[in-house]
Each structure stands twice: as structure tokens, then as C-alpha cells.
Amino acid sequence: MHFAPNKNNRQQAIPRLLLSPREAAKALSICERTLYSLTKAGEIAAVRRGRLVRYSMEELQAWIRRASETKCENAQNAT
């Protein structure tokens, strides 16, 4: 007996929770060196396990929001 695959039998894709430095830098459209500098400065948090470094999408999005808010505040203070 052979079952044809249907929508219910397909495996669900598991969302990625953490990105490699290369993937994170690409997602932010910055180079890896800049990402490492931001991480070292404490602006972007990283998850470390031994030598392994990973970045969460939530943290990358939070950094974008913080950077956007800072630019808006600086523009308002300049006027």
C-alpha cells in the first residue's frame, strides 16, 4: 500500500532561531567586521557557546529599532 503525500503529512519547516555571524551581517547589510565591532562594543548581543557565536533575529531587529530611534532623536535635537 502506498500513500500519496498530502499537505498534512509534509514536515513543517522549523524556523531558525539563531544566525551565524555571516548570516547576521548579511541580514543587516553590513560586513562581518562591523558586526564584530558592534558586538564587542555591546551594541548587539550574541549567544556564545565555546568558540561558537550566534545572533538572534530578535536581537538584530531590536538593534535596528534602537539605531533608528537614536537617529530620530539626534535629528530632533539638531533643530
C-alpha atoms as a PDB file:
ATOM      1  CA  MET A   1       0.000   0.000   0.000  1.00  0.00           C
ATOM      2  CA  HIS A   2       1.374   3.417  -0.987  1.00  0.00           C
ATOM      3  CA  PHE A   3       0.208   6.743   0.402  1.00  0.00           C
ATOM      4  CA  ALA A   4       0.408   9.843  -1.721  1.00  0.00           C
ATOM      5  CA  PRO A   5       1.931  12.803   0.117  1.00  0.00           C
ATOM      6  CA  ASN A   6      -0.564  15.423   1.177  1.00  0.00           C
ATOM      7  CA  LYS A   7      -0.401  18.708   2.994  1.00  0.00           C
ATOM      8  CA  ASN A   8      -0.924  17.082   6.394  1.00  0.00           C
ATOM      9  CA  ASN A   9       1.962  14.591   6.050  1.00  0.00           C
ATOM     10  CA  ARG A  10       4.631  17.093   4.990  1.00  0.00           C
ATOM     11  CA  GLN A  11       7.183  18.075   7.582  1.00  0.00           C
ATOM     12  CA  GLN A  12       6.820  21.578   8.904  1.00  0.00           C
ATOM     13  CA  ALA A  13       9.874  23.786   8.439  1.00  0.00           C
ATOM     14  CA  ILE A  14      11.420  24.685  11.781  1.00  0.00           C
ATOM     15  CA  PRO A  15      12.222  28.405  11.974  1.00  0.00           C
ATOM     16  CA  ARG A  16      15.850  29.245  12.614  1.00  0.00           C
ATOM     17  CA  LEU A  17      16.281  30.956  15.961  1.00  0.00           C
ATOM     18  CA  LEU A  18      19.969  31.835  15.641  1.00  0.00           C
ATOM     19  CA  LEU A  19      22.109  33.050  12.764  1.00  0.00           C
ATOM     20  CA  SER A  20      25.810  32.655  12.127  1.00  0.00           C
ATOM     21  CA  PRO A  21      27.874  35.864  12.051  1.00  0.00           C
ATOM     22  CA  ARG A  22      27.945  35.717   8.240  1.00  0.00           C
ATOM     23  CA  GLU A  23      24.160  35.334   8.048  1.00  0.00           C
ATOM     24  CA  ALA A  24      23.579  38.075  10.635  1.00  0.00           C
ATOM     25  CA  ALA A  25      25.903  40.512   8.848  1.00  0.00           C
ATOM     26  CA  LYS A  26      24.196  39.771   5.548  1.00  0.00           C
ATOM     27  CA  ALA A  27      20.757  40.293   7.132  1.00  0.00           C
ATOM     28  CA  LEU A  28      21.912  43.720   8.401  1.00  0.00           C
ATOM     29  CA  SER A  29      23.704  44.580   5.135  1.00  0.00           C
ATOM     30  CA  ILE A  30      26.968  45.194   6.974  1.00  0.00           C
ATOM     31  CA  CYS A  31      30.319  43.420   6.880  1.00  0.00           C
ATOM     32  CA  GLU A  32      31.220  40.796   9.472  1.00  0.00           C
ATOM     33  CA  ARG A  33      33.987  43.014  10.860  1.00  0.00           C
ATOM     34  CA  THR A  34      31.434  45.756  11.619  1.00  0.00           C
ATOM     35  CA  LEU A  35      29.172  43.172  13.249  1.00  0.00           C
ATOM     36  CA  TYR A  36      32.039  42.001  15.458  1.00  0.00           C
ATOM     37  CA  SER A  37      32.822  45.621  16.399  1.00  0.00           C
ATOM     38  CA  LEU A  38      29.187  46.256  17.350  1.00  0.00           C
ATOM     39  CA  THR A  39      29.175  43.031  19.369  1.00  0.00           C
ATOM     40  CA  LYS A  40      32.399  43.915  21.178  1.00  0.00           C
ATOM     41  CA  ALA A  41      31.023  47.388  21.972  1.00  0.00           C
ATOM     42  CA  GLY A  42      27.911  45.791  23.497  1.00  0.00           C
ATOM     43  CA  GLU A  43      25.521  47.246  20.930  1.00  0.00           C
ATOM     44  CA  ILE A  44      24.426  43.846  19.590  1.00  0.00           C
ATOM     45  CA  ALA A  45      24.163  40.854  21.905  1.00  0.00           C
ATOM     46  CA  ALA A  46      25.498  37.497  20.792  1.00  0.00           C
ATOM     47  CA  VAL A  47      24.922  33.985  22.064  1.00  0.00           C
ATOM     48  CA  ARG A  48      28.239  32.296  22.789  1.00  0.00           C
ATOM     49  CA  ARG A  49      28.907  28.629  23.354  1.00  0.00           C
ATOM     50  CA  GLY A  50      32.627  27.976  23.467  1.00  0.00           C
ATOM     51  CA  ARG A  51      34.032  29.420  20.261  1.00  0.00           C
ATOM     52  CA  LEU A  52      30.633  29.357  18.568  1.00  0.00           C
ATOM     53  CA  VAL A  53      28.948  32.762  18.152  1.00  0.00           C
ATOM     54  CA  ARG A  54      25.343  33.163  17.035  1.00  0.00           C
ATOM     55  CA  TYR A  55      22.888  36.061  16.774  1.00  0.00           C
ATOM     56  CA  SER A  56      19.144  36.016  17.320  1.00  0.00           C
ATOM     57  CA  MET A  57      16.843  37.657  14.799  1.00  0.00           C
ATOM     58  CA  GLU A  58      15.040  39.349  17.693  1.00  0.00           C
ATOM     59  CA  GLU A  59      18.283  40.988  18.862  1.00  0.00           C
ATOM     60  CA  LEU A  60      19.148  42.126  15.331  1.00  0.00           C
ATOM     61  CA  GLN A  61      15.689  43.666  14.934  1.00  0.00           C
ATOM     62  CA  ALA A  62      15.979  45.343  18.361  1.00  0.00           C
ATOM     63  CA  TRP A  63      19.338  46.855  17.347  1.00  0.00           C
ATOM     64  CA  ILE A  64      17.752  48.250  14.168  1.00  0.00           C
ATOM     65  CA  ARG A  65      14.964  49.844  16.239  1.00  0.00           C
ATOM     66  CA  ARG A  66      17.449  51.333  18.726  1.00  0.00           C
ATOM     67  CA  ALA A  67      19.624  52.696  15.919  1.00  0.00           C
ATOM     68  CA  SER A  68      16.571  54.216  14.212  1.00  0.00           C
ATOM     69  CA  GLU A  69      15.375  55.844  17.439  1.00  0.00           C
ATOM     70  CA  THR A  70      18.818  57.326  18.095  1.00  0.00           C
ATOM     71  CA  LYS A  71      18.917  58.859  14.616  1.00  0.00           C
ATOM     72  CA  CYS A  72      15.437  60.351  15.097  1.00  0.00           C
ATOM     73  CA  GLU A  73      16.383  61.819  18.487  1.00  0.00           C
ATOM     74  CA  ASN A  74      19.604  63.293  17.082  1.00  0.00           C
ATOM     75  CA  ALA A  75      17.694  64.880  14.210  1.00  0.00           C
ATOM     76  CA  GLN A  76      15.141  66.415  16.602  1.00  0.00           C
ATOM     77  CA  ASN A  77      17.858  67.800  18.886  1.00  0.00           C
ATOM     78  CA  ALA A  78      19.668  69.383  15.940  1.00  0.00           C
ATOM     79  CA  THR A  79      16.656  71.533  15.007  1.00  0.00           C
END
